Amino acid sequence: GFANMAQAITAPGDVILCPNPTYPIHAFGFLMAGGVIRSMNVEPDESFFGPLERAVRHSIPKPLALIINYPSNPTAHVASLDFYKDVIAFAKKHEIIVLSDLAYSEIYFDENNPPPSVLEVPGAIDVAVEFTSMSKTFSMPGWRMGFAVGNERLIAALTRVKSYLDYGAFTPIQVAATHALNGDGSDIAEVRNVYRRRRDVMVDTFGKAGFEVPPPAATMFAWAKIPEKFRHLGSLEFSKLLVEKADIAVAPGIGFGEMGDDYVRLALVENEHRIRQAARNLKRFLSTVDETMHNVVSLNAHR
């Protein structure tokens, strides 16, 4: 959806404001359409708007669109409704389109505070389009099923592009998606509970092993800073080291933008037993690291 929207609205040279780090298609969809990416803070707080003001003031041409993604992949940040109100007010003032990726809206761990939608802000539909996906909420990855809601002209442009590029999803998948959306929500609650249990086990066992993992407030991911001893390696080399020495696969933060290179993304996709097994492997690796790191050289040393 995001890449198709980029094709629908982007002309060569258009400036797009994009968080960094973020899910790669947010930036690359527009780069493939000829746009220019200006990176922004990802934290949904007061630090977001200073760089945003400077980006509008110093960008030529004026930015076309602002991408937001909360709950965030990979950082798991969650935005408040007040934050969205400020985003929409800013977008209207500067005539900027807001494109919101809400794919993880149903995977949250505070039952009393579910993540809001930007379209809850009065008048947001004048400037915003929001995308969501069945892949995360209903565990349907690969089925390529989701939907977009928002500004009528932008949705019409997206519809036109998609009508040229594809013919719609396989009918049984559409039927299954309809059934899921019309359900009572109990299956979504169970998905949340599964991820919550995995999150709690990972935070506890990895912490005891010596790798601090902040508990994510939402999404199926944890965003953890590389331990100080390994930070000089960068996220890619550290990730390769974990595979080699501990049989643990993580996503290097550099894959989500250069601002993510001090971090790795851990996915809550394995069961609790496997997470505990990974923690044991991690503890064994960290306890012997001084004996086994003599032949590990940072990639930066070769540049």
C-alpha atoms as a PDB file:
ATOM      1  CA  GLY A   1       0.000   0.000   0.000  1.00  0.00           C
ATOM      2  CA  PHE A   2       2.702   2.480   0.956  1.00  0.00           C
ATOM      3  CA  ALA A   3       4.757   1.883  -2.188  1.00  0.00           C
ATOM      4  CA  ASN A   4       1.630   2.207  -4.329  1.00  0.00           C
ATOM      5  CA  MET A   5       0.728   5.483  -2.626  1.00  0.00           C
ATOM      6  CA  ALA A   6       4.241   6.715  -3.341  1.00  0.00           C
ATOM      7  CA  GLN A   7       3.737   5.917  -7.027  1.00  0.00           C
ATOM      8  CA  ALA A   8       0.395   7.708  -6.967  1.00  0.00           C
ATOM      9  CA  ILE A   9       1.500  11.028  -5.461  1.00  0.00           C
ATOM     10  CA  THR A  10       5.267  11.430  -5.959  1.00  0.00           C
ATOM     11  CA  ALA A  11       7.028  13.342  -8.728  1.00  0.00           C
ATOM     12  CA  PRO A  12      10.812  13.214  -9.151  1.00  0.00           C
ATOM     13  CA  GLY A  13      12.466  15.451  -6.562  1.00  0.00           C
ATOM     14  CA  ASP A  14       9.524  15.606  -4.146  1.00  0.00           C
ATOM     15  CA  VAL A  15      10.678  15.768  -0.524  1.00  0.00           C
ATOM     16  CA  ILE A  16       9.254  13.213   1.907  1.00  0.00           C
ATOM     17  CA  LEU A  17       9.692  13.497   5.686  1.00  0.00           C
ATOM     18  CA  CYS A  18      10.370  10.017   7.016  1.00  0.00           C
ATOM     19  CA  PRO A  19      11.253   8.744  10.515  1.00  0.00           C
ATOM     20  CA  ASN A  20      14.660   7.167  11.025  1.00  0.00           C
ATOM     21  CA  PRO A  21      14.861   4.352  11.983  1.00  0.00           C
ATOM     22  CA  THR A  22      11.716   2.983  10.378  1.00  0.00           C
ATOM     23  CA  TYR A  23      10.371   0.065   8.350  1.00  0.00           C
ATOM     24  CA  PRO A  24      12.291   0.165   5.039  1.00  0.00           C
ATOM     25  CA  ILE A  25       9.354   0.493   2.628  1.00  0.00           C
ATOM     26  CA  HIS A  26       8.404   3.826   4.224  1.00  0.00           C
ATOM     27  CA  ALA A  27      11.496   5.370   2.675  1.00  0.00           C
ATOM     28  CA  PHE A  28      12.227   3.089  -0.265  1.00  0.00           C
ATOM     29  CA  GLY A  29       8.720   3.238  -1.697  1.00  0.00           C
ATOM     30  CA  PHE A  30       9.237   6.958  -2.266  1.00  0.00           C
ATOM     31  CA  LEU A  31      12.860   6.619  -3.351  1.00  0.00           C
ATOM     32  CA  MET A  32      11.777   4.179  -6.063  1.00  0.00           C
ATOM     33  CA  ALA A  33       9.194   6.734  -7.191  1.00  0.00           C
ATOM     34  CA  GLY A  34      11.887   9.419  -7.531  1.00  0.00           C
ATOM     35  CA  GLY A  35      11.325  11.174  -4.225  1.00  0.00           C
ATOM     36  CA  VAL A  36      13.942  12.539  -1.831  1.00  0.00           C
ATOM     37  CA  ILE A  37      13.930  11.406   1.808  1.00  0.00           C
ATOM     38  CA  ARG A  38      14.579  13.798   4.681  1.00  0.00           C
ATOM     39  CA  SER A  39      15.040  11.834   7.899  1.00  0.00           C
ATOM     40  CA  MET A  40      13.149  12.792  11.061  1.00  0.00           C
ATOM     41  CA  ASN A  41      13.160  11.887  14.745  1.00  0.00           C
ATOM     42  CA  VAL A  42      11.101   8.822  15.517  1.00  0.00           C
ATOM     43  CA  GLU A  43      10.183   9.606  19.155  1.00  0.00           C
ATOM     44  CA  PRO A  44       6.563  10.839  19.353  1.00  0.00           C
ATOM     45  CA  ASP A  45       7.223  13.629  21.844  1.00  0.00           C
ATOM     46  CA  GLU A  46       8.265  17.290  21.929  1.00  0.00           C
ATOM     47  CA  SER A  47      11.593  16.438  20.251  1.00  0.00           C
ATOM     48  CA  PHE A  48       9.685  15.538  17.077  1.00  0.00           C
ATOM     49  CA  PHE A  49       8.540  19.016  16.113  1.00  0.00           C
ATOM     50  CA  GLY A  50      11.738  21.101  16.201  1.00  0.00           C
ATOM     51  CA  PRO A  51      13.394  19.080  13.408  1.00  0.00           C
ATOM     52  CA  LEU A  52      10.052  19.019  11.601  1.00  0.00           C
ATOM     53  CA  GLU A  53       9.915  22.831  11.584  1.00  0.00           C
ATOM     54  CA  ARG A  54      13.497  23.010  10.306  1.00  0.00           C
ATOM     55  CA  ALA A  55      12.781  20.434   7.620  1.00  0.00           C
ATOM     56  CA  VAL A  56       9.920  22.510   6.251  1.00  0.00           C
ATOM     57  CA  ARG A  57      11.902  25.746   6.492  1.00  0.00           C
ATOM     58  CA  HIS A  58      15.001  24.444   4.721  1.00  0.00           C
ATOM     59  CA  SER A  59      13.603  21.962   2.178  1.00  0.00           C
ATOM     60  CA  ILE A  60      13.294  22.958  -1.466  1.00  0.00           C
ATOM     61  CA  PRO A  61      10.765  22.090  -2.710  1.00  0.00           C
ATOM     62  CA  LYS A  62       8.521  22.173   0.345  1.00  0.00           C
ATOM     63  CA  PRO A  63       7.905  18.648   1.707  1.00  0.00           C
ATOM     64  CA  LEU A  64       5.050  16.794   0.076  1.00  0.00           C
ATOM     65  CA  ALA A  65       4.287  14.279   2.819  1.00  0.00           C
ATOM     66  CA  LEU A  66       5.098  13.221   6.364  1.00  0.00           C
ATOM     67  CA  ILE A  67       5.225   9.520   7.225  1.00  0.00           C
ATOM     68  CA  ILE A  68       4.323   8.386  10.737  1.00  0.00           C
ATOM     69  CA  ASN A  69       4.263   4.837  12.110  1.00  0.00           C
ATOM     70  CA  TYR A  70       2.945   4.236  15.632  1.00  0.00           C
ATOM     71  CA  PRO A  71       3.100   1.733  17.188  1.00  0.00           C
ATOM     72  CA  SER A  72       6.475   1.812  15.503  1.00  0.00           C
ATOM     73  CA  ASN A  73       8.394  -0.901  13.722  1.00  0.00           C
ATOM     74  CA  PRO A  74      11.184  -1.277  14.807  1.00  0.00           C
ATOM     75  CA  THR A  75      11.267   0.957  17.912  1.00  0.00           C
ATOM     76  CA  ALA A  76       7.855   0.005  19.417  1.00  0.00           C
ATOM     77  CA  HIS A  77       7.148   3.668  20.282  1.00  0.00           C
ATOM     78  CA  VAL A  78       3.459   4.461  20.813  1.00  0.00           C
ATOM     79  CA  ALA A  79       1.994   7.885  20.044  1.00  0.00           C
ATOM     80  CA  SER A  80      -0.685   9.681  22.029  1.00  0.00           C
ATOM     81  CA  LEU A  81      -3.779  11.350  20.641  1.00  0.00           C
ATOM     82  CA  ASP A  82      -2.360  14.734  21.696  1.00  0.00           C
ATOM     83  CA  PHE A  83       0.723  14.047  19.590  1.00  0.00           C
ATOM     84  CA  TYR A  84      -1.490  13.273  16.597  1.00  0.00           C
ATOM     85  CA  LYS A  85      -3.422  16.511  17.154  1.00  0.00           C
ATOM     86  CA  ASP A  86      -0.161  18.456  16.936  1.00  0.00           C
ATOM     87  CA  VAL A  87       0.898  16.518  13.806  1.00  0.00           C
ATOM     88  CA  ILE A  88      -2.376  17.277  12.030  1.00  0.00           C
ATOM     89  CA  ALA A  89      -2.282  20.949  13.028  1.00  0.00           C
ATOM     90  CA  PHE A  90       1.267  21.172  11.652  1.00  0.00           C
ATOM     91  CA  ALA A  91       0.313  19.364   8.444  1.00  0.00           C
ATOM     92  CA  LYS A  92      -2.632  21.654   7.814  1.00  0.00           C
ATOM     93  CA  LYS A  93      -0.566  24.766   8.505  1.00  0.00           C
ATOM     94  CA  HIS A  94       2.087  23.731   5.978  1.00  0.00           C
ATOM     95  CA  GLU A  95      -0.177  21.855   3.519  1.00  0.00           C
ATOM     96  CA  ILE A  96       1.587  18.527   3.991  1.00  0.00           C
ATOM     97  CA  ILE A  97       0.041  15.085   3.478  1.00  0.00           C
ATOM     98  CA  VAL A  98       0.191  12.721   6.479  1.00  0.00           C
ATOM     99  CA  LEU A  99       0.615   9.014   5.734  1.00  0.00           C
ATOM    100  CA  SER A 100       0.125   6.844   8.809  1.00  0.00           C
ATOM    101  CA  ASP A 101       1.108   3.176   9.084  1.00  0.00           C
ATOM    102  CA  LEU A 102      -1.121   1.647  11.770  1.00  0.00           C
ATOM    103  CA  ALA A 103      -0.192  -1.986  11.126  1.00  0.00           C
ATOM    104  CA  TYR A 104       0.447  -2.801  14.809  1.00  0.00           C
ATOM    105  CA  SER A 105      -2.558  -1.022  16.310  1.00  0.00           C
ATOM    106  CA  GLU A 106      -4.016  -4.180  17.869  1.00  0.00           C
ATOM    107  CA  ILE A 107      -0.786  -5.550  19.349  1.00  0.00           C
ATOM    108  CA  TYR A 108      -0.423  -3.561  22.558  1.00  0.00           C
ATOM    109  CA  PHE A 109       0.076  -4.503  26.182  1.00  0.00           C
ATOM    110  CA  ASP A 110      -1.734  -1.832  28.196  1.00  0.00           C
ATOM    111  CA  GLU A 111      -5.366  -2.887  27.968  1.00  0.00           C
ATOM    112  CA  ASN A 112      -6.485   0.485  29.367  1.00  0.00           C
ATOM    113  CA  ASN A 113      -4.606   2.528  26.783  1.00  0.00           C
ATOM    114  CA  PRO A 114      -4.876   1.143  23.232  1.00  0.00           C
ATOM    115  CA  PRO A 115      -2.910   3.036  20.563  1.00  0.00           C
ATOM    116  CA  PRO A 116      -5.032   5.738  18.903  1.00  0.00           C
ATOM    117  CA  SER A 117      -5.517   6.369  15.198  1.00  0.00           C
ATOM    118  CA  VAL A 118      -4.522   9.668  13.644  1.00  0.00           C
ATOM    119  CA  LEU A 119      -8.003   9.737  12.108  1.00  0.00           C
ATOM    120  CA  GLU A 120      -9.459  10.177  15.599  1.00  0.00           C
ATOM    121  CA  VAL A 121      -8.302  13.793  15.351  1.00  0.00           C
ATOM    122  CA  PRO A 122     -11.158  15.985  14.080  1.00  0.00           C
ATOM    123  CA  GLY A 123     -10.421  17.097  10.522  1.00  0.00           C
ATOM    124  CA  ALA A 124      -7.488  14.707  10.063  1.00  0.00           C
ATOM    125  CA  ILE A 125      -9.221  13.115   7.091  1.00  0.00           C
ATOM    126  CA  ASP A 126      -8.645  16.379   5.190  1.00  0.00           C
ATOM    127  CA  VAL A 127      -4.888  15.698   5.004  1.00  0.00           C
ATOM    128  CA  ALA A 128      -4.278  12.107   6.118  1.00  0.00           C
ATOM    129  CA  VAL A 129      -4.429   8.532   4.878  1.00  0.00           C
ATOM    130  CA  GLU A 130      -3.974   5.629   7.275  1.00  0.00           C
ATOM    131  CA  PHE A 131      -2.902   2.117   6.303  1.00  0.00           C
ATOM    132  CA  THR A 132      -3.357  -1.070   8.255  1.00  0.00           C
ATOM    133  CA  SER A 133      -2.714  -4.740   7.642  1.00  0.00           C
ATOM    134  CA  MET A 134      -4.290  -8.082   8.420  1.00  0.00           C
ATOM    135  CA  SER A 135      -0.816  -9.638   8.624  1.00  0.00           C
ATOM    136  CA  LYS A 136      -0.083  -8.599  12.205  1.00  0.00           C
ATOM    137  CA  THR A 137      -3.497  -8.410  13.838  1.00  0.00           C
ATOM    138  CA  PHE A 138      -4.724 -11.760  12.516  1.00  0.00           C
ATOM    139  CA  SER A 139      -1.407 -13.538  11.900  1.00  0.00           C
ATOM    140  CA  MET A 140      -1.929 -13.514   8.124  1.00  0.00           C
ATOM    141  CA  PRO A 141       1.534 -12.563   6.809  1.00  0.00           C
ATOM    142  CA  GLY A 142       2.013 -13.278   3.124  1.00  0.00           C
ATOM    143  CA  TRP A 143      -1.700 -13.078   2.375  1.00  0.00           C
ATOM    144  CA  ARG A 144      -1.171  -9.424   1.349  1.00  0.00           C
ATOM    145  CA  MET A 145      -4.428  -8.210   2.811  1.00  0.00           C
ATOM    146  CA  GLY A 146      -5.020  -4.773   4.317  1.00  0.00           C
ATOM    147  CA  PHE A 147      -6.821  -1.507   3.715  1.00  0.00           C
ATOM    148  CA  ALA A 148      -6.365   2.254   3.645  1.00  0.00           C
ATOM    149  CA  VAL A 149      -8.726   4.961   4.911  1.00  0.00           C
ATOM    150  CA  GLY A 150      -8.555   8.729   4.616  1.00  0.00           C
ATOM    151  CA  ASN A 151      -8.635  11.681   2.254  1.00  0.00           C
ATOM    152  CA  GLU A 152     -10.906  10.948  -0.700  1.00  0.00           C
ATOM    153  CA  ARG A 153      -8.612  12.315  -3.431  1.00  0.00           C
ATOM    154  CA  LEU A 154      -5.573  10.454  -2.099  1.00  0.00           C
ATOM    155  CA  ILE A 155      -7.519   7.192  -1.823  1.00  0.00           C
ATOM    156  CA  ALA A 156      -8.788   7.686  -5.384  1.00  0.00           C
ATOM    157  CA  ALA A 157      -5.208   8.148  -6.607  1.00  0.00           C
ATOM    158  CA  LEU A 158      -4.129   5.009  -4.753  1.00  0.00           C
ATOM    159  CA  THR A 159      -7.059   3.081  -6.236  1.00  0.00           C
ATOM    160  CA  ARG A 160      -6.120   4.171  -9.752  1.00  0.00           C
ATOM    161  CA  VAL A 161      -2.516   3.000  -9.360  1.00  0.00           C
ATOM    162  CA  LYS A 162      -3.508  -0.334  -7.836  1.00  0.00           C
ATOM    163  CA  SER A 163      -6.019  -0.925 -10.635  1.00  0.00           C
ATOM    164  CA  TYR A 164      -3.097  -0.786 -13.071  1.00  0.00           C
ATOM    165  CA  LEU A 165      -0.781  -3.009 -11.051  1.00  0.00           C
ATOM    166  CA  ASP A 166      -2.871  -5.847  -9.632  1.00  0.00           C
ATOM    167  CA  TYR A 167      -6.236  -7.502  -9.858  1.00  0.00           C
ATOM    168  CA  GLY A 168      -7.167  -7.989  -6.211  1.00  0.00           C
ATOM    169  CA  ALA A 169      -6.467 -10.744  -3.732  1.00  0.00           C
ATOM    170  CA  PHE A 170      -7.483 -14.405  -4.167  1.00  0.00           C
ATOM    171  CA  THR A 171     -11.202 -14.574  -3.294  1.00  0.00           C
ATOM    172  CA  PRO A 172     -10.938 -17.155  -0.440  1.00  0.00           C
ATOM    173  CA  ILE A 173      -8.404 -14.848   1.239  1.00  0.00           C
ATOM    174  CA  GLN A 174     -10.861 -11.969   0.975  1.00  0.00           C
ATOM    175  CA  VAL A 175     -13.589 -14.161   2.506  1.00  0.00           C
ATOM    176  CA  ALA A 176     -11.281 -15.176   5.365  1.00  0.00           C
ATOM    177  CA  ALA A 177     -10.333 -11.543   5.973  1.00  0.00           C
ATOM    178  CA  THR A 178     -13.986 -10.503   6.049  1.00  0.00           C
ATOM    179  CA  HIS A 179     -14.734 -13.228   8.585  1.00  0.00           C
ATOM    180  CA  ALA A 180     -11.804 -12.109  10.750  1.00  0.00           C
ATOM    181  CA  LEU A 181     -12.861  -8.448  10.674  1.00  0.00           C
ATOM    182  CA  ASN A 182     -16.429  -9.358  11.617  1.00  0.00           C
ATOM    183  CA  GLY A 183     -15.317 -11.438  14.594  1.00  0.00           C
ATOM    184  CA  ASP A 184     -15.893 -10.574  18.260  1.00  0.00           C
ATOM    185  CA  GLY A 185     -12.258  -9.672  18.919  1.00  0.00           C
ATOM    186  CA  SER A 186     -11.486 -12.638  21.159  1.00  0.00           C
ATOM    187  CA  ASP A 187      -8.909 -13.972  18.717  1.00  0.00           C
ATOM    188  CA  ILE A 188      -7.124 -10.605  18.697  1.00  0.00           C
ATOM    189  CA  ALA A 189      -7.056 -10.617  22.506  1.00  0.00           C
ATOM    190  CA  GLU A 190      -5.468 -14.071  22.448  1.00  0.00           C
ATOM    191  CA  VAL A 191      -2.799 -12.895  19.997  1.00  0.00           C
ATOM    192  CA  ARG A 192      -2.015 -10.006  22.366  1.00  0.00           C
ATOM    193  CA  ASN A 193      -1.750 -12.392  25.318  1.00  0.00           C
ATOM    194  CA  VAL A 194       0.638 -14.684  23.428  1.00  0.00           C
ATOM    195  CA  TYR A 195       2.924 -11.776  22.554  1.00  0.00           C
ATOM    196  CA  ARG A 196       2.714 -10.359  26.071  1.00  0.00           C
ATOM    197  CA  ARG A 197       3.849 -13.658  27.599  1.00  0.00           C
ATOM    198  CA  ARG A 198       6.712 -13.919  25.117  1.00  0.00           C
ATOM    199  CA  ARG A 199       7.709 -10.314  25.772  1.00  0.00           C
ATOM    200  CA  ASP A 200       7.808 -10.851  29.532  1.00  0.00           C
ATOM    201  CA  VAL A 201       9.894 -14.016  29.186  1.00  0.00           C
ATOM    202  CA  MET A 202      12.349 -12.313  26.811  1.00  0.00           C
ATOM    203  CA  VAL A 203      12.784  -9.218  28.969  1.00  0.00           C
ATOM    204  CA  ASP A 204      13.326 -11.347  32.083  1.00  0.00           C
ATOM    205  CA  THR A 205      15.610 -14.060  30.692  1.00  0.00           C
ATOM    206  CA  PHE A 206      17.707 -11.856  28.404  1.00  0.00           C
ATOM    207  CA  GLY A 207      18.154  -9.368  31.251  1.00  0.00           C
ATOM    208  CA  LYS A 208      19.414 -12.113  33.553  1.00  0.00           C
ATOM    209  CA  ALA A 209      21.748 -13.255  30.778  1.00  0.00           C
ATOM    210  CA  GLY A 210      23.291  -9.781  30.627  1.00  0.00           C
ATOM    211  CA  PHE A 211      21.481  -8.195  27.686  1.00  0.00           C
ATOM    212  CA  GLU A 212      19.061  -5.458  28.756  1.00  0.00           C
ATOM    213  CA  VAL A 213      15.871  -5.494  26.654  1.00  0.00           C
ATOM    214  CA  PRO A 214      13.396  -2.655  27.384  1.00  0.00           C
ATOM    215  CA  PRO A 215       9.832  -4.033  27.493  1.00  0.00           C
ATOM    216  CA  PRO A 216       7.976  -2.789  24.400  1.00  0.00           C
ATOM    217  CA  ALA A 217       4.599  -1.163  24.985  1.00  0.00           C
ATOM    218  CA  ALA A 218       3.281  -2.521  21.688  1.00  0.00           C
ATOM    219  CA  THR A 219       4.145  -4.479  18.508  1.00  0.00           C
ATOM    220  CA  MET A 220       5.715  -7.931  18.234  1.00  0.00           C
ATOM    221  CA  PHE A 221       9.216  -6.472  18.490  1.00  0.00           C
ATOM    222  CA  ALA A 222      11.672  -5.275  21.116  1.00  0.00           C
ATOM    223  CA  TRP A 223      14.241  -2.590  20.292  1.00  0.00           C
ATOM    224  CA  ALA A 224      17.354  -3.101  22.354  1.00  0.00           C
ATOM    225  CA  LYS A 225      20.592  -1.159  22.549  1.00  0.00           C
ATOM    226  CA  ILE A 226      23.693  -3.204  21.770  1.00  0.00           C
ATOM    227  CA  PRO A 227      25.683  -3.922  24.947  1.00  0.00           C
ATOM    228  CA  GLU A 228      28.473  -1.387  25.449  1.00  0.00           C
ATOM    229  CA  LYS A 229      31.215  -3.971  24.948  1.00  0.00           C
ATOM    230  CA  PHE A 230      29.998  -4.676  21.395  1.00  0.00           C
ATOM    231  CA  ARG A 231      28.706  -1.285  20.309  1.00  0.00           C
ATOM    232  CA  HIS A 232      31.867  -0.399  18.400  1.00  0.00           C
ATOM    233  CA  LEU A 233      31.130  -3.298  16.037  1.00  0.00           C
ATOM    234  CA  GLY A 234      27.880  -1.795  14.757  1.00  0.00           C
ATOM    235  CA  SER A 235      24.576  -3.614  14.544  1.00  0.00           C
ATOM    236  CA  LEU A 236      25.353  -5.716  11.472  1.00  0.00           C
ATOM    237  CA  GLU A 237      28.563  -7.220  12.871  1.00  0.00           C
ATOM    238  CA  PHE A 238      26.945  -7.721  16.281  1.00  0.00           C
ATOM    239  CA  SER A 239      24.006  -9.511  14.668  1.00  0.00           C
ATOM    240  CA  LYS A 240      26.375 -11.787  12.736  1.00  0.00           C
ATOM    241  CA  LEU A 241      28.232 -12.475  15.972  1.00  0.00           C
ATOM    242  CA  LEU A 242      25.017 -13.559  17.715  1.00  0.00           C
ATOM    243  CA  VAL A 243      24.247 -15.984  14.899  1.00  0.00           C
ATOM    244  CA  GLU A 244      27.757 -17.427  14.941  1.00  0.00           C
ATOM    245  CA  LYS A 245      28.356 -17.615  18.693  1.00  0.00           C
ATOM    246  CA  ALA A 246      24.867 -17.963  20.206  1.00  0.00           C
ATOM    247  CA  ASP A 247      22.611 -19.290  17.423  1.00  0.00           C
ATOM    248  CA  ILE A 248      20.368 -16.239  17.848  1.00  0.00           C
ATOM    249  CA  ALA A 249      19.017 -14.307  14.856  1.00  0.00           C
ATOM    250  CA  VAL A 250      18.137 -10.628  15.317  1.00  0.00           C
ATOM    251  CA  ALA A 251      17.590  -7.802  12.841  1.00  0.00           C
ATOM    252  CA  PRO A 252      20.463  -5.282  12.772  1.00  0.00           C
ATOM    253  CA  GLY A 253      19.251  -1.767  13.454  1.00  0.00           C
ATOM    254  CA  ILE A 254      21.159  -0.373  10.477  1.00  0.00           C
ATOM    255  CA  GLY A 255      18.617  -2.131   8.255  1.00  0.00           C
ATOM    256  CA  PHE A 256      16.010   0.380   9.429  1.00  0.00           C
ATOM    257  CA  GLY A 257      18.166   3.469   8.896  1.00  0.00           C
ATOM    258  CA  GLU A 258      21.557   4.772   9.962  1.00  0.00           C
ATOM    259  CA  MET A 259      20.097   6.128  13.216  1.00  0.00           C
ATOM    260  CA  GLY A 260      19.374   2.543  14.275  1.00  0.00           C
ATOM    261  CA  ASP A 261      22.953   1.273  14.163  1.00  0.00           C
ATOM    262  CA  ASP A 262      23.365   1.160  17.951  1.00  0.00           C
ATOM    263  CA  TYR A 263      20.370  -1.181  18.255  1.00  0.00           C
ATOM    264  CA  VAL A 264      19.014  -4.545  17.206  1.00  0.00           C
ATOM    265  CA  ARG A 265      15.396  -5.583  16.763  1.00  0.00           C
ATOM    266  CA  LEU A 266      14.268  -8.765  18.484  1.00  0.00           C
ATOM    267  CA  ALA A 267      11.059 -10.427  17.291  1.00  0.00           C
ATOM    268  CA  LEU A 268       8.577 -12.163  19.588  1.00  0.00           C
ATOM    269  CA  VAL A 269       7.940 -14.884  17.003  1.00  0.00           C
ATOM    270  CA  GLU A 270       9.283 -17.897  18.906  1.00  0.00           C
ATOM    271  CA  ASN A 271       7.485 -19.678  21.753  1.00  0.00           C
ATOM    272  CA  GLU A 272       8.497 -19.175  25.375  1.00  0.00           C
ATOM    273  CA  HIS A 273      10.578 -22.360  25.507  1.00  0.00           C
ATOM    274  CA  ARG A 274      12.653 -21.261  22.501  1.00  0.00           C
ATOM    275  CA  ILE A 275      13.117 -17.783  23.982  1.00  0.00           C
ATOM    276  CA  ARG A 276      14.473 -19.314  27.190  1.00  0.00           C
ATOM    277  CA  GLN A 277      16.761 -21.517  25.113  1.00  0.00           C
ATOM    278  CA  ALA A 278      18.037 -18.422  23.283  1.00  0.00           C
ATOM    279  CA  ALA A 279      18.660 -16.709  26.639  1.00  0.00           C
ATOM    280  CA  ARG A 280      20.767 -19.668  27.802  1.00  0.00           C
ATOM    281  CA  ASN A 281      22.801 -19.505  24.595  1.00  0.00           C
ATOM    282  CA  LEU A 282      23.203 -15.762  25.072  1.00  0.00           C
ATOM    283  CA  LYS A 283      24.362 -16.149  28.672  1.00  0.00           C
ATOM    284  CA  ARG A 284      26.930 -18.767  27.644  1.00  0.00           C
ATOM    285  CA  PHE A 285      28.245 -16.506  24.876  1.00  0.00           C
ATOM    286  CA  LEU A 286      28.477 -13.416  27.085  1.00  0.00           C
ATOM    287  CA  SER A 287      30.221 -15.345  29.860  1.00  0.00           C
ATOM    288  CA  THR A 288      32.953 -16.545  27.489  1.00  0.00           C
ATOM    289  CA  VAL A 289      33.204 -13.479  25.260  1.00  0.00           C
ATOM    290  CA  ASP A 290      36.656 -12.441  26.476  1.00  0.00           C
ATOM    291  CA  GLU A 291      38.009 -15.803  25.375  1.00  0.00           C
ATOM    292  CA  THR A 292      36.317 -15.908  21.970  1.00  0.00           C
ATOM    293  CA  MET A 293      36.408 -12.303  20.708  1.00  0.00           C
ATOM    294  CA  HIS A 294      40.131 -12.150  19.868  1.00  0.00           C
ATOM    295  CA  ASN A 295      39.488 -12.811  16.163  1.00  0.00           C
ATOM    296  CA  VAL A 296      36.499 -10.483  15.718  1.00  0.00           C
ATOM    297  CA  VAL A 297      37.316  -7.246  13.889  1.00  0.00           C
ATOM    298  CA  SER A 298      34.890  -4.367  13.370  1.00  0.00           C
ATOM    299  CA  LEU A 299      33.854  -3.874   9.752  1.00  0.00           C
ATOM    300  CA  ASN A 300      34.748  -0.204  10.158  1.00  0.00           C
ATOM    301  CA  ALA A 301      38.397  -1.172  10.474  1.00  0.00           C
ATOM    302  CA  HIS A 302      38.409  -2.158   6.795  1.00  0.00           C
ATOM    303  CA  ARG A 303      36.987   1.116   5.472  1.00  0.00           C
END
